[in-house]
N, C-alpha and C. Protein backbone atom coordinates (compact mmCIF):
# COMPACT_ATOMS: atom_id res chain seq x y z
N MET A 1 10.43 100.02 -140.82
CA MET A 1 11.65 100.73 -141.09
C MET A 1 11.33 101.94 -141.89
N GLY A 2 11.87 103.04 -141.37
CA GLY A 2 11.77 104.24 -141.98
C GLY A 2 12.91 104.60 -142.94
N LYS A 3 12.72 105.73 -143.65
CA LYS A 3 13.77 106.22 -144.63
C LYS A 3 15.00 106.40 -143.94
N LYS A 4 15.04 106.78 -142.72
CA LYS A 4 16.38 107.04 -142.08
C LYS A 4 17.18 105.79 -141.56
N THR A 5 16.43 104.60 -141.61
CA THR A 5 17.15 103.51 -140.90
C THR A 5 18.45 103.08 -141.63
N ILE A 6 18.47 103.19 -142.99
CA ILE A 6 19.67 102.86 -143.72
C ILE A 6 20.88 103.76 -143.36
N TYR A 7 20.57 104.85 -142.72
CA TYR A 7 21.75 105.82 -142.38
C TYR A 7 22.23 105.88 -140.99
N ILE A 8 21.52 105.05 -140.23
CA ILE A 8 21.77 104.84 -138.66
C ILE A 8 23.06 104.00 -138.48
N PRO A 9 23.84 104.51 -137.71
CA PRO A 9 25.14 103.75 -137.44
C PRO A 9 24.79 102.45 -136.72
N PRO A 10 25.61 101.44 -136.83
CA PRO A 10 25.32 100.05 -136.19
C PRO A 10 25.45 100.13 -134.76
N SER A 11 24.64 99.49 -134.01
CA SER A 11 24.74 99.50 -132.67
C SER A 11 25.79 98.54 -132.27
N GLN A 12 26.41 99.11 -131.12
CA GLN A 12 27.65 98.49 -130.58
C GLN A 12 27.12 97.64 -129.35
N ARG A 13 27.92 96.33 -129.06
CA ARG A 13 27.59 95.73 -127.92
C ARG A 13 28.16 96.41 -126.69
N LYS A 14 27.51 96.39 -125.68
CA LYS A 14 27.99 97.06 -124.43
C LYS A 14 29.34 96.61 -124.02
N MET A 15 29.52 95.28 -123.85
CA MET A 15 30.83 94.87 -123.34
C MET A 15 31.96 94.81 -124.18
N ALA A 16 31.86 94.77 -125.52
CA ALA A 16 32.86 94.75 -126.42
C ALA A 16 32.81 95.84 -127.56
N ARG A 17 32.21 97.03 -127.15
CA ARG A 17 32.03 97.96 -128.17
C ARG A 17 33.42 98.55 -128.77
N PHE A 18 34.46 98.53 -128.04
CA PHE A 18 35.76 99.09 -128.49
C PHE A 18 36.50 97.81 -129.24
N GLN A 19 36.17 96.70 -129.06
CA GLN A 19 36.65 95.61 -129.80
C GLN A 19 36.12 95.50 -131.25
N ASN A 20 34.98 95.97 -131.40
CA ASN A 20 34.20 95.87 -132.65
C ASN A 20 34.11 97.30 -133.25
N ILE A 21 35.00 98.15 -133.20
CA ILE A 21 34.97 99.41 -133.61
C ILE A 21 35.03 99.49 -135.21
N ASN A 22 35.54 98.40 -135.74
CA ASN A 22 35.73 98.43 -137.27
C ASN A 22 34.27 98.50 -137.95
N THR A 23 33.21 97.86 -137.31
CA THR A 23 31.91 98.03 -137.84
C THR A 23 31.49 99.47 -137.99
N LEU A 24 31.78 100.32 -136.91
CA LEU A 24 31.47 101.68 -137.05
C LEU A 24 32.36 102.36 -138.07
N ILE A 25 33.57 102.06 -138.16
CA ILE A 25 34.60 102.67 -139.08
C ILE A 25 33.92 102.41 -140.49
N GLU A 26 33.41 101.20 -140.75
CA GLU A 26 32.94 100.83 -142.12
C GLU A 26 31.67 101.48 -142.31
N TRP A 27 30.77 101.78 -141.32
CA TRP A 27 29.67 102.58 -141.52
C TRP A 27 30.00 103.90 -141.98
N GLY A 28 31.04 104.58 -141.24
CA GLY A 28 31.49 105.84 -141.60
C GLY A 28 31.94 106.06 -142.96
N ARG A 29 32.74 105.03 -143.39
CA ARG A 29 33.16 104.95 -144.83
C ARG A 29 32.08 105.01 -145.80
N LYS A 30 31.10 104.26 -145.46
CA LYS A 30 29.81 104.28 -146.43
C LYS A 30 29.18 105.54 -146.46
N ILE A 31 29.03 106.19 -145.32
CA ILE A 31 28.39 107.47 -145.19
C ILE A 31 29.16 108.57 -145.87
N GLN A 32 30.36 108.51 -145.71
CA GLN A 32 31.32 109.50 -146.51
C GLN A 32 31.13 109.45 -147.98
N LYS A 33 31.10 108.02 -148.52
CA LYS A 33 31.02 107.88 -149.92
C LYS A 33 29.69 108.44 -150.39
N ILE A 34 28.56 108.30 -149.67
CA ILE A 34 27.31 108.67 -150.24
C ILE A 34 26.66 109.96 -149.57
N TRP A 35 27.51 110.77 -148.92
CA TRP A 35 27.07 111.88 -148.18
C TRP A 35 26.35 112.90 -149.14
N ASN A 36 26.78 113.13 -150.26
CA ASN A 36 26.19 114.14 -151.21
C ASN A 36 24.76 113.48 -151.64
N LYS A 37 24.55 112.25 -151.67
CA LYS A 37 23.38 111.71 -152.13
C LYS A 37 22.25 111.53 -150.94
N ILE A 38 22.71 111.81 -149.78
CA ILE A 38 21.79 111.71 -148.51
C ILE A 38 20.84 112.83 -148.55
N PRO A 39 19.56 112.63 -148.48
CA PRO A 39 18.69 113.80 -148.39
C PRO A 39 19.10 114.79 -147.26
N GLU A 40 18.77 116.17 -147.49
CA GLU A 40 19.21 117.14 -146.68
C GLU A 40 18.67 116.97 -145.23
N GLU A 41 17.44 116.56 -145.06
CA GLU A 41 16.80 116.45 -143.70
C GLU A 41 17.62 115.39 -142.99
N ILE A 42 18.13 114.29 -143.59
CA ILE A 42 18.89 113.25 -142.87
C ILE A 42 20.26 113.82 -142.63
N GLN A 43 20.81 114.59 -143.49
CA GLN A 43 22.09 115.08 -143.24
C GLN A 43 22.06 116.10 -141.99
N LYS A 44 21.00 116.80 -141.82
CA LYS A 44 20.88 117.49 -140.44
C LYS A 44 20.80 116.76 -139.36
N ASP A 45 20.19 115.48 -139.52
CA ASP A 45 20.18 114.49 -138.21
C ASP A 45 21.59 113.97 -138.08
N LEU A 46 22.28 113.89 -139.03
CA LEU A 46 23.66 113.24 -138.94
C LEU A 46 24.81 114.38 -139.02
N SER A 47 24.47 115.53 -138.54
CA SER A 47 25.36 116.64 -138.61
C SER A 47 26.50 116.37 -137.60
N TRP A 48 26.33 115.58 -136.62
CA TRP A 48 27.35 115.28 -135.70
C TRP A 48 28.41 114.45 -136.48
N PHE A 49 27.99 113.61 -137.48
CA PHE A 49 28.93 112.99 -138.32
C PHE A 49 29.89 113.90 -139.05
N GLU A 50 29.26 114.90 -139.75
CA GLU A 50 30.08 115.95 -140.57
C GLU A 50 31.05 116.50 -139.65
N GLU A 51 30.65 116.86 -138.49
CA GLU A 51 31.43 117.56 -137.47
C GLU A 51 32.57 116.77 -136.96
N ASN A 52 32.47 115.38 -136.96
CA ASN A 52 33.40 114.58 -136.66
C ASN A 52 34.08 113.85 -137.67
N LYS A 53 34.04 114.17 -138.92
CA LYS A 53 34.66 113.52 -140.05
C LYS A 53 36.17 113.25 -139.89
N GLU A 54 36.94 114.11 -139.28
CA GLU A 54 38.42 113.82 -139.10
C GLU A 54 38.58 112.68 -138.19
N ASN A 55 37.64 112.69 -137.17
CA ASN A 55 37.91 111.55 -136.15
C ASN A 55 37.74 110.20 -136.91
N PHE A 56 36.73 110.10 -137.72
CA PHE A 56 36.68 108.87 -138.62
C PHE A 56 37.83 108.58 -139.29
N GLU A 57 38.32 109.58 -139.99
CA GLU A 57 39.58 109.42 -140.81
C GLU A 57 40.67 108.82 -139.99
N GLU A 58 40.96 109.41 -138.81
CA GLU A 58 41.88 108.83 -137.73
C GLU A 58 41.54 107.42 -137.39
N LEU A 59 40.48 107.09 -137.11
CA LEU A 59 39.94 105.85 -136.72
C LEU A 59 40.31 104.78 -137.79
N LYS A 60 39.99 105.25 -139.03
CA LYS A 60 40.21 104.42 -140.27
C LYS A 60 41.82 104.07 -140.47
N ILE A 61 42.52 105.00 -140.18
CA ILE A 61 44.02 104.89 -140.25
C ILE A 61 44.45 103.89 -139.04
N ILE A 62 43.96 104.03 -137.75
CA ILE A 62 44.27 103.20 -136.81
C ILE A 62 43.94 101.82 -137.06
N ASP A 63 42.78 101.61 -137.58
CA ASP A 63 42.22 100.27 -137.87
C ASP A 63 43.05 99.61 -138.85
N GLU A 64 43.56 100.46 -139.93
CA GLU A 64 44.43 99.70 -140.91
C GLU A 64 45.69 99.25 -140.34
N LEU A 65 46.23 100.10 -139.43
CA LEU A 65 47.50 99.80 -138.83
C LEU A 65 47.38 98.58 -137.78
N ILE A 66 46.30 98.45 -137.24
CA ILE A 66 46.06 97.29 -136.27
C ILE A 66 45.83 96.20 -137.16
N THR A 67 45.16 96.22 -138.24
CA THR A 67 44.95 95.05 -139.11
C THR A 67 46.30 94.61 -139.69
N PHE A 68 47.11 95.52 -140.12
CA PHE A 68 48.60 95.25 -140.63
C PHE A 68 49.35 94.71 -139.59
N VAL A 69 49.48 95.04 -138.37
CA VAL A 69 50.21 94.51 -137.30
C VAL A 69 49.76 93.01 -136.96
N LYS A 70 48.40 92.90 -136.86
CA LYS A 70 47.98 91.43 -136.62
C LYS A 70 48.47 90.56 -137.84
N LYS A 71 48.28 90.85 -138.90
CA LYS A 71 48.78 90.01 -140.17
C LYS A 71 50.31 89.69 -139.98
N GLU A 72 50.93 90.86 -139.69
CA GLU A 72 52.44 90.55 -139.58
C GLU A 72 52.72 89.67 -138.46
N PHE A 73 52.22 89.75 -137.33
CA PHE A 73 52.42 88.88 -136.22
C PHE A 73 51.93 87.49 -136.49
N LYS A 74 50.97 87.29 -137.29
CA LYS A 74 50.39 85.95 -137.63
C LYS A 74 51.50 85.26 -138.62
N LYS A 75 51.90 86.15 -139.66
CA LYS A 75 52.78 85.63 -140.59
C LYS A 75 54.20 85.37 -140.25
N ASN A 76 54.66 86.29 -139.45
CA ASN A 76 56.16 86.21 -139.04
C ASN A 76 56.50 85.97 -137.58
N GLY A 77 55.37 86.08 -136.70
CA GLY A 77 55.58 85.93 -135.31
C GLY A 77 56.27 87.04 -134.72
N TYR A 78 56.73 87.00 -133.51
CA TYR A 78 57.40 88.11 -132.89
C TYR A 78 58.83 87.98 -133.24
N SER A 79 59.34 88.83 -134.09
CA SER A 79 60.62 88.68 -134.62
C SER A 79 61.20 90.09 -135.09
N LEU A 80 62.37 90.12 -135.34
CA LEU A 80 63.06 91.28 -135.73
C LEU A 80 62.52 91.84 -137.08
N LYS A 81 62.18 90.88 -137.97
CA LYS A 81 61.52 91.11 -139.18
C LYS A 81 60.20 91.77 -139.10
N THR A 82 59.42 91.28 -138.12
CA THR A 82 58.09 91.96 -137.86
C THR A 82 58.28 93.26 -137.36
N SER A 83 59.19 93.54 -136.54
CA SER A 83 59.41 94.85 -136.02
C SER A 83 59.91 95.83 -137.05
N ILE A 84 60.70 95.35 -138.02
CA ILE A 84 61.08 96.28 -139.01
C ILE A 84 59.98 96.58 -139.99
N ASN A 85 59.20 95.53 -140.39
CA ASN A 85 58.10 95.76 -141.29
C ASN A 85 57.03 96.78 -140.59
N ILE A 86 56.53 96.63 -139.33
CA ILE A 86 55.87 97.49 -138.66
C ILE A 86 56.37 98.91 -138.69
N LYS A 87 57.54 99.03 -138.49
CA LYS A 87 58.11 100.41 -138.37
C LYS A 87 58.17 101.18 -139.86
N GLN A 88 58.26 100.21 -140.79
CA GLN A 88 58.21 100.69 -142.24
C GLN A 88 56.80 101.12 -142.62
N TYR A 89 55.86 100.60 -142.14
CA TYR A 89 54.49 100.77 -142.44
C TYR A 89 54.20 102.28 -142.02
């Protein structure tokens, strides 16, 4: 394992890569938090991340919304209350 290994994004499964996007979002959150501590040489290798930071922010918001909707359906089922709660979110 090299120095760069801890900064590499998680690999996605071919068949379910879009279902497991939250692992990539979590990796992005971690990288954002430690960006200033990452060595400059590795920041250059991750320049694509810096260029797409806004996309990770959007994905984070979408993931939070999906998590909220799933919890609402599990808690209240398909109902008017669920619809109201989701619209208020």
